[in-house]
Amino acid sequence: MYYIYILLCSDNSIYTGFTTNLKQRVKDHNEGKGSKYVRSKLPAKLIYSEEFKTKSEALKREGQIKGWSRSKKIRVLNLDVK
């Protein structure tokens, strides 16, 4: 399976990513092995994910969400950023 996910970082920013192993990827982020952006804003908490059967579907959705403003992500995906 393929996943897109959103993390809430310690500075209240949000990060959208893609992975094939959601649990491990979140763990990697919090151990400082993930993206450079998240590494400087730890700890990060998983606040949203979606599962897809194909890589293409997941990457398409990731691109769509990354193109949205922060406020649209919060509103449309009903994100808890508190």
PDB file of N, CA and C in Angstrom:
ATOM      1  N   MET A   1       0.832  -1.185   0.000  1.00  0.00           N
ATOM      2  CA  MET A   1       0.000   0.000   0.000  1.00  0.00           C
ATOM      3  C   MET A   1       0.882   1.256   0.000  1.00  0.00           C
ATOM      4  N   TYR A   2       0.276   2.356  -0.381  1.00  0.00           N
ATOM      5  CA  TYR A   2       0.950   3.652  -0.437  1.00  0.00           C
ATOM      6  C   TYR A   2       0.143   4.645   0.392  1.00  0.00           C
ATOM      7  N   TYR A   3       0.843   5.556   1.018  1.00  0.00           N
ATOM      8  CA  TYR A   3       0.190   6.484   1.928  1.00  0.00           C
ATOM      9  C   TYR A   3       0.652   7.917   1.688  1.00  0.00           C
ATOM     10  N   ILE A   4      -0.268   8.844   1.889  1.00  0.00           N
ATOM     11  CA  ILE A   4       0.109  10.240   2.053  1.00  0.00           C
ATOM     12  C   ILE A   4      -0.223  10.541   3.505  1.00  0.00           C
ATOM     13  N   TYR A   5       0.530  11.471   4.084  1.00  0.00           N
ATOM     14  CA  TYR A   5       0.332  11.759   5.499  1.00  0.00           C
ATOM     15  C   TYR A   5       0.608  13.228   5.770  1.00  0.00           C
ATOM     16  N   ILE A   6       0.064  13.692   6.876  1.00  0.00           N
ATOM     17  CA  ILE A   6       0.325  15.055   7.312  1.00  0.00           C
ATOM     18  C   ILE A   6       0.779  15.002   8.760  1.00  0.00           C
ATOM     19  N   LEU A   7       1.882  15.696   9.019  1.00  0.00           N
ATOM     20  CA  LEU A   7       2.426  15.803  10.369  1.00  0.00           C
ATOM     21  C   LEU A   7       2.199  17.207  10.900  1.00  0.00           C
ATOM     22  N   LEU A   8       1.938  17.299  12.187  1.00  0.00           N
ATOM     23  CA  LEU A   8       1.907  18.577  12.877  1.00  0.00           C
ATOM     24  C   LEU A   8       3.239  18.700  13.608  1.00  0.00           C
ATOM     25  N   CYS A   9       4.007  19.711  13.255  1.00  0.00           N
ATOM     26  CA  CYS A   9       5.337  19.906  13.840  1.00  0.00           C
ATOM     27  C   CYS A   9       5.250  20.727  15.125  1.00  0.00           C
ATOM     28  N   SER A  10       6.327  20.736  15.875  1.00  0.00           N
ATOM     29  CA  SER A  10       6.354  21.414  17.177  1.00  0.00           C
ATOM     30  C   SER A  10       6.114  22.913  17.084  1.00  0.00           C
ATOM     31  N   ASP A  11       6.374  23.518  15.922  1.00  0.00           N
ATOM     32  CA  ASP A  11       6.146  24.954  15.745  1.00  0.00           C
ATOM     33  C   ASP A  11       4.752  25.234  15.175  1.00  0.00           C
ATOM     34  N   ASN A  12       3.894  24.186  15.167  1.00  0.00           N
ATOM     35  CA  ASN A  12       2.518  24.253  14.678  1.00  0.00           C
ATOM     36  C   ASN A  12       2.426  24.322  13.147  1.00  0.00           C
ATOM     37  N   SER A  13       3.533  24.102  12.449  1.00  0.00           N
ATOM     38  CA  SER A  13       3.479  24.017  10.996  1.00  0.00           C
ATOM     39  C   SER A  13       3.027  22.607  10.618  1.00  0.00           C
ATOM     40  N   ILE A  14       2.589  22.442   9.363  1.00  0.00           N
ATOM     41  CA  ILE A  14       2.178  21.123   8.904  1.00  0.00           C
ATOM     42  C   ILE A  14       3.027  20.709   7.709  1.00  0.00           C
ATOM     43  N   TYR A  15       3.282  19.402   7.633  1.00  0.00           N
ATOM     44  CA  TYR A  15       4.136  18.829   6.601  1.00  0.00           C
ATOM     45  C   TYR A  15       3.382  17.683   5.937  1.00  0.00           C
ATOM     46  N   THR A  16       3.365  17.664   4.625  1.00  0.00           N
ATOM     47  CA  THR A  16       2.698  16.604   3.867  1.00  0.00           C
ATOM     48  C   THR A  16       3.753  15.742   3.185  1.00  0.00           C
ATOM     49  N   GLY A  17       3.593  14.424   3.291  1.00  0.00           N
ATOM     50  CA  GLY A  17       4.560  13.520   2.686  1.00  0.00           C
ATOM     51  C   GLY A  17       3.922  12.263   2.120  1.00  0.00           C
ATOM     52  N   PHE A  18       4.766  11.398   1.567  1.00  0.00           N
ATOM     53  CA  PHE A  18       4.373  10.152   0.909  1.00  0.00           C
ATOM     54  C   PHE A  18       5.259   9.030   1.435  1.00  0.00           C
ATOM     55  N   THR A  19       4.700   7.836   1.601  1.00  0.00           N
ATOM     56  CA  THR A  19       5.490   6.701   2.057  1.00  0.00           C
ATOM     57  C   THR A  19       4.803   5.377   1.714  1.00  0.00           C
ATOM     58  N   THR A  20       5.536   4.291   1.863  1.00  0.00           N
ATOM     59  CA  THR A  20       4.952   2.955   1.742  1.00  0.00           C
ATOM     60  C   THR A  20       4.825   2.290   3.106  1.00  0.00           C
ATOM     61  N   ASN A  21       5.416   2.900   4.131  1.00  0.00           N
ATOM     62  CA  ASN A  21       5.342   2.351   5.487  1.00  0.00           C
ATOM     63  C   ASN A  21       5.099   3.509   6.451  1.00  0.00           C
ATOM     64  N   LEU A  22       3.850   3.768   6.736  1.00  0.00           N
ATOM     65  CA  LEU A  22       3.459   4.945   7.500  1.00  0.00           C
ATOM     66  C   LEU A  22       4.060   4.961   8.905  1.00  0.00           C
ATOM     67  N   LYS A  23       3.928   3.878   9.626  1.00  0.00           N
ATOM     68  CA  LYS A  23       4.432   3.813  11.000  1.00  0.00           C
ATOM     69  C   LYS A  23       5.939   4.069  11.048  1.00  0.00           C
ATOM     70  N   GLN A  24       6.667   3.428  10.161  1.00  0.00           N
ATOM     71  CA  GLN A  24       8.126   3.591  10.131  1.00  0.00           C
ATOM     72  C   GLN A  24       8.531   5.001   9.725  1.00  0.00           C
ATOM     73  N   ARG A  25       7.800   5.577   8.782  1.00  0.00           N
ATOM     74  CA  ARG A  25       8.144   6.921   8.308  1.00  0.00           C
ATOM     75  C   ARG A  25       7.965   7.957   9.410  1.00  0.00           C
ATOM     76  N   VAL A  26       6.882   7.860  10.169  1.00  0.00           N
ATOM     77  CA  VAL A  26       6.661   8.791  11.278  1.00  0.00           C
ATOM     78  C   VAL A  26       7.762   8.605  12.325  1.00  0.00           C
ATOM     79  N   LYS A  27       8.111   7.355  12.586  1.00  0.00           N
ATOM     80  CA  LYS A  27       9.198   7.053  13.522  1.00  0.00           C
ATOM     81  C   LYS A  27      10.509   7.657  13.029  1.00  0.00           C
ATOM     82  N   ASP A  28      10.802   7.481  11.751  1.00  0.00           N
ATOM     83  CA  ASP A  28      12.023   8.043  11.158  1.00  0.00           C
ATOM     84  C   ASP A  28      12.057   9.562  11.308  1.00  0.00           C
ATOM     85  N   HIS A  29      10.947  10.211  11.016  1.00  0.00           N
ATOM     86  CA  HIS A  29      10.883  11.667  11.169  1.00  0.00           C
ATOM     87  C   HIS A  29      11.250  12.063  12.597  1.00  0.00           C
ATOM     88  N   ASN A  30      10.654  11.399  13.564  1.00  0.00           N
ATOM     89  CA  ASN A  30      10.869  11.777  14.958  1.00  0.00           C
ATOM     90  C   ASN A  30      12.242  11.384  15.503  1.00  0.00           C
ATOM     91  N   GLU A  31      12.940  10.545  14.772  1.00  0.00           N
ATOM     92  CA  GLU A  31      14.321  10.202  15.134  1.00  0.00           C
ATOM     93  C   GLU A  31      15.314  11.063  14.354  1.00  0.00           C
ATOM     94  N   GLY A  32      14.809  12.057  13.635  1.00  0.00           N
ATOM     95  CA  GLY A  32      15.674  12.958  12.884  1.00  0.00           C
ATOM     96  C   GLY A  32      16.179  12.394  11.576  1.00  0.00           C
ATOM     97  N   LYS A  33      15.579  11.300  11.100  1.00  0.00           N
ATOM     98  CA  LYS A  33      16.013  10.656   9.860  1.00  0.00           C
ATOM     99  C   LYS A  33      15.104  10.998   8.685  1.00  0.00           C
ATOM    100  N   GLY A  34      14.100  11.833   8.924  1.00  0.00           N
ATOM    101  CA  GLY A  34      13.154  12.190   7.874  1.00  0.00           C
ATOM    102  C   GLY A  34      13.622  13.410   7.114  1.00  0.00           C
ATOM    103  N   SER A  35      12.676  14.186   6.672  1.00  0.00           N
ATOM    104  CA  SER A  35      13.002  15.366   5.887  1.00  0.00           C
ATOM    105  C   SER A  35      13.732  16.420   6.713  1.00  0.00           C
ATOM    106  N   LYS A  36      14.507  17.227   6.034  1.00  0.00           N
ATOM    107  CA  LYS A  36      15.252  18.307   6.683  1.00  0.00           C
ATOM    108  C   LYS A  36      14.295  19.288   7.357  1.00  0.00           C
ATOM    109  N   TYR A  37      13.166  19.554   6.702  1.00  0.00           N
ATOM    110  CA  TYR A  37      12.179  20.483   7.253  1.00  0.00           C
ATOM    111  C   TYR A  37      11.672  20.001   8.613  1.00  0.00           C
ATOM    112  N   VAL A  38      11.243  18.760   8.678  1.00  0.00           N
ATOM    113  CA  VAL A  38      10.679  18.223   9.927  1.00  0.00           C
ATOM    114  C   VAL A  38      11.759  18.068  10.985  1.00  0.00           C
ATOM    115  N   ARG A  39      12.943  17.711  10.587  1.00  0.00           N
ATOM    116  CA  ARG A  39      14.050  17.495  11.518  1.00  0.00           C
ATOM    117  C   ARG A  39      14.282  18.694  12.439  1.00  0.00           C
ATOM    118  N   SER A  40      14.048  19.883  11.925  1.00  0.00           N
ATOM    119  CA  SER A  40      14.287  21.087  12.721  1.00  0.00           C
ATOM    120  C   SER A  40      13.063  21.512  13.531  1.00  0.00           C
ATOM    121  N   LYS A  41      11.984  20.729  13.462  1.00  0.00           N
ATOM    122  CA  LYS A  41      10.735  21.102  14.126  1.00  0.00           C
ATOM    123  C   LYS A  41      10.140  19.934  14.917  1.00  0.00           C
ATOM    124  N   LEU A  42      10.977  19.155  15.549  1.00  0.00           N
ATOM    125  CA  LEU A  42      10.536  17.972  16.293  1.00  0.00           C
ATOM    126  C   LEU A  42      10.075  18.346  17.700  1.00  0.00           C
ATOM    127  N   PRO A  43       9.192  17.532  18.275  1.00  0.00           N
ATOM    128  CA  PRO A  43       8.596  16.320  17.707  1.00  0.00           C
ATOM    129  C   PRO A  43       7.475  16.647  16.731  1.00  0.00           C
ATOM    130  N   ALA A  44       7.177  15.656  15.903  1.00  0.00           N
ATOM    131  CA  ALA A  44       6.096  15.779  14.926  1.00  0.00           C
ATOM    132  C   ALA A  44       5.046  14.711  15.228  1.00  0.00           C
ATOM    133  N   LYS A  45       3.791  15.083  15.046  1.00  0.00           N
ATOM    134  CA  LYS A  45       2.679  14.184  15.359  1.00  0.00           C
ATOM    135  C   LYS A  45       1.868  13.924  14.094  1.00  0.00           C
ATOM    136  N   LEU A  46       1.570  12.669  13.833  1.00  0.00           N
ATOM    137  CA  LEU A  46       0.740  12.307  12.693  1.00  0.00           C
ATOM    138  C   LEU A  46      -0.687  12.772  12.966  1.00  0.00           C
ATOM    139  N   ILE A  47      -1.225  13.613  12.062  1.00  0.00           N
ATOM    140  CA  ILE A  47      -2.595  14.102  12.259  1.00  0.00           C
ATOM    141  C   ILE A  47      -3.533  13.710  11.123  1.00  0.00           C
ATOM    142  N   TYR A  48      -2.990  13.114  10.050  1.00  0.00           N
ATOM    143  CA  TYR A  48      -3.843  12.739   8.924  1.00  0.00           C
ATOM    144  C   TYR A  48      -3.105  11.757   8.023  1.00  0.00           C
ATOM    145  N   SER A  49      -3.846  10.810   7.456  1.00  0.00           N
ATOM    146  CA  SER A  49      -3.266   9.922   6.439  1.00  0.00           C
ATOM    147  C   SER A  49      -4.369   9.393   5.534  1.00  0.00           C
ATOM    148  N   GLU A  50      -3.975   9.019   4.336  1.00  0.00           N
ATOM    149  CA  GLU A  50      -4.851   8.362   3.368  1.00  0.00           C
ATOM    150  C   GLU A  50      -4.066   7.204   2.775  1.00  0.00           C
ATOM    151  N   GLU A  51      -4.767   6.131   2.435  1.00  0.00           N
ATOM    152  CA  GLU A  51      -4.155   4.930   1.872  1.00  0.00           C
ATOM    153  C   GLU A  51      -4.577   4.775   0.414  1.00  0.00           C
ATOM    154  N   PHE A  52      -3.636   4.318  -0.429  1.00  0.00           N
ATOM    155  CA  PHE A  52      -3.901   4.145  -1.856  1.00  0.00           C
ATOM    156  C   PHE A  52      -3.356   2.811  -2.332  1.00  0.00           C
ATOM    157  N   LYS A  53      -3.960   2.275  -3.375  1.00  0.00           N
ATOM    158  CA  LYS A  53      -3.515   1.004  -3.938  1.00  0.00           C
ATOM    159  C   LYS A  53      -2.320   1.176  -4.857  1.00  0.00           C
ATOM    160  N   THR A  54      -2.220   2.351  -5.507  1.00  0.00           N
ATOM    161  CA  THR A  54      -1.118   2.547  -6.444  1.00  0.00           C
ATOM    162  C   THR A  54      -0.284   3.773  -6.058  1.00  0.00           C
ATOM    163  N   LYS A  55       0.967   3.710  -6.438  1.00  0.00           N
ATOM    164  CA  LYS A  55       1.877   4.827  -6.188  1.00  0.00           C
ATOM    165  C   LYS A  55       1.404   6.077  -6.921  1.00  0.00           C
ATOM    166  N   SER A  56       0.938   5.882  -8.124  1.00  0.00           N
ATOM    167  CA  SER A  56       0.473   7.000  -8.937  1.00  0.00           C
ATOM    168  C   SER A  56      -0.669   7.761  -8.259  1.00  0.00           C
ATOM    169  N   GLU A  57      -1.635   7.035  -7.729  1.00  0.00           N
ATOM    170  CA  GLU A  57      -2.765   7.674  -7.030  1.00  0.00           C
ATOM    171  C   GLU A  57      -2.275   8.465  -5.820  1.00  0.00           C
ATOM    172  N   ALA A  58      -1.375   7.862  -5.062  1.00  0.00           N
ATOM    173  CA  ALA A  58      -0.873   8.513  -3.847  1.00  0.00           C
ATOM    174  C   ALA A  58      -0.099   9.783  -4.188  1.00  0.00           C
ATOM    175  N   LEU A  59       0.774   9.710  -5.175  1.00  0.00           N
ATOM    176  CA  LEU A  59       1.570  10.884  -5.541  1.00  0.00           C
ATOM    177  C   LEU A  59       0.700  11.996  -6.122  1.00  0.00           C
ATOM    178  N   LYS A  60      -0.324  11.617  -6.861  1.00  0.00           N
ATOM    179  CA  LYS A  60      -1.246  12.608  -7.407  1.00  0.00           C
ATOM    180  C   LYS A  60      -1.963  13.338  -6.268  1.00  0.00           C
ATOM    181  N   ARG A  61      -2.424  12.588  -5.278  1.00  0.00           N
ATOM    182  CA  ARG A  61      -3.122  13.184  -4.132  1.00  0.00           C
ATOM    183  C   ARG A  61      -2.162  14.035  -3.304  1.00  0.00           C
ATOM    184  N   GLU A  62      -0.940  13.571  -3.102  1.00  0.00           N
ATOM    185  CA  GLU A  62       0.049  14.353  -2.362  1.00  0.00           C
ATOM    186  C   GLU A  62       0.266  15.702  -3.053  1.00  0.00           C
ATOM    187  N   GLY A  63       0.415  15.690  -4.354  1.00  0.00           N
ATOM    188  CA  GLY A  63       0.609  16.925  -5.104  1.00  0.00           C
ATOM    189  C   GLY A  63      -0.576  17.866  -4.983  1.00  0.00           C
ATOM    190  N   GLN A  64      -1.768  17.292  -5.015  1.00  0.00           N
ATOM    191  CA  GLN A  64      -2.976  18.098  -4.864  1.00  0.00           C
ATOM    192  C   GLN A  64      -2.989  18.794  -3.503  1.00  0.00           C
ATOM    193  N   ILE A  65      -2.761  18.031  -2.447  1.00  0.00           N
ATOM    194  CA  ILE A  65      -2.800  18.584  -1.088  1.00  0.00           C
ATOM    195  C   ILE A  65      -1.676  19.599  -0.879  1.00  0.00           C
ATOM    196  N   LYS A  66      -0.486  19.314  -1.388  1.00  0.00           N
ATOM    197  CA  LYS A  66       0.624  20.250  -1.238  1.00  0.00           C
ATOM    198  C   LYS A  66       0.350  21.581  -1.941  1.00  0.00           C
ATOM    199  N   GLY A  67      -0.514  21.560  -2.943  1.00  0.00           N
ATOM    200  CA  GLY A  67      -0.861  22.781  -3.653  1.00  0.00           C
ATOM    201  C   GLY A  67      -1.868  23.661  -2.924  1.00  0.00           C
ATOM    202  N   TRP A  68      -2.467  23.116  -1.887  1.00  0.00           N
ATOM    203  CA  TRP A  68      -3.457  23.869  -1.121  1.00  0.00           C
ATOM    204  C   TRP A  68      -2.789  24.776  -0.096  1.00  0.00           C
ATOM    205  N   SER A  69      -3.476  25.829   0.276  1.00  0.00           N
ATOM    206  CA  SER A  69      -3.009  26.690   1.367  1.00  0.00           C
ATOM    207  C   SER A  69      -3.180  25.944   2.689  1.00  0.00           C
ATOM    208  N   ARG A  70      -2.494  26.409   3.698  1.00  0.00           N
ATOM    209  CA  ARG A  70      -2.625  25.819   5.030  1.00  0.00           C
ATOM    210  C   ARG A  70      -4.084  25.824   5.474  1.00  0.00           C
ATOM    211  N   SER A  71      -4.760  26.948   5.297  1.00  0.00           N
ATOM    212  CA  SER A  71      -6.149  27.047   5.762  1.00  0.00           C
ATOM    213  C   SER A  71      -7.066  26.079   5.017  1.00  0.00           C
ATOM    214  N   LYS A  72      -6.825  25.872   3.728  1.00  0.00           N
ATOM    215  CA  LYS A  72      -7.644  24.921   2.975  1.00  0.00           C
ATOM    216  C   LYS A  72      -7.381  23.497   3.451  1.00  0.00           C
ATOM    217  N   LYS A  73      -6.125  23.144   3.716  1.00  0.00           N
ATOM    218  CA  LYS A  73      -5.812  21.806   4.238  1.00  0.00           C
ATOM    219  C   LYS A  73      -6.557  21.565   5.543  1.00  0.00           C
ATOM    220  N   ILE A  74      -6.517  22.545   6.436  1.00  0.00           N
ATOM    221  CA  ILE A  74      -7.176  22.405   7.741  1.00  0.00           C
ATOM    222  C   ILE A  74      -8.679  22.252   7.564  1.00  0.00           C
ATOM    223  N   ARG A  75      -9.259  23.075   6.707  1.00  0.00           N
ATOM    224  CA  ARG A  75     -10.710  23.071   6.498  1.00  0.00           C
ATOM    225  C   ARG A  75     -11.177  21.800   5.788  1.00  0.00           C
ATOM    226  N   VAL A  76     -10.594  21.484   4.646  1.00  0.00           N
ATOM    227  CA  VAL A  76     -11.063  20.368   3.818  1.00  0.00           C
ATOM    228  C   VAL A  76     -10.778  19.025   4.476  1.00  0.00           C
ATOM    229  N   LEU A  77      -9.635  18.878   5.109  1.00  0.00           N
ATOM    230  CA  LEU A  77      -9.255  17.598   5.714  1.00  0.00           C
ATOM    231  C   LEU A  77      -9.641  17.513   7.189  1.00  0.00           C
ATOM    232  N   ASN A  78     -10.233  18.593   7.699  1.00  0.00           N
ATOM    233  CA  ASN A  78     -10.670  18.650   9.092  1.00  0.00           C
ATOM    234  C   ASN A  78      -9.515  18.326  10.053  1.00  0.00           C
ATOM    235  N   LEU A  79      -8.384  18.982   9.851  1.00  0.00           N
ATOM    236  CA  LEU A  79      -7.186  18.730  10.646  1.00  0.00           C
ATOM    237  C   LEU A  79      -7.291  19.365  12.023  1.00  0.00           C
ATOM    238  N   ASP A  80      -6.831  18.638  13.031  1.00  0.00           N
ATOM    239  CA  ASP A  80      -6.769  19.144  14.396  1.00  0.00           C
ATOM    240  C   ASP A  80      -5.346  19.686  14.612  1.00  0.00           C
ATOM    241  N   VAL A  81      -5.191  21.000  14.524  1.00  0.00           N
ATOM    242  CA  VAL A  81      -3.867  21.604  14.636  1.00  0.00           C
ATOM    243  C   VAL A  81      -3.662  22.311  15.979  1.00  0.00           C
ATOM    244  N   LYS A  82      -4.378  21.888  16.987  1.00  0.00           N
ATOM    245  CA  LYS A  82      -4.263  22.499  18.318  1.00  0.00           C
ATOM    246  C   LYS A  82      -3.323  21.742  19.192  1.00  0.00           C
TER     247      LYS A  82
END
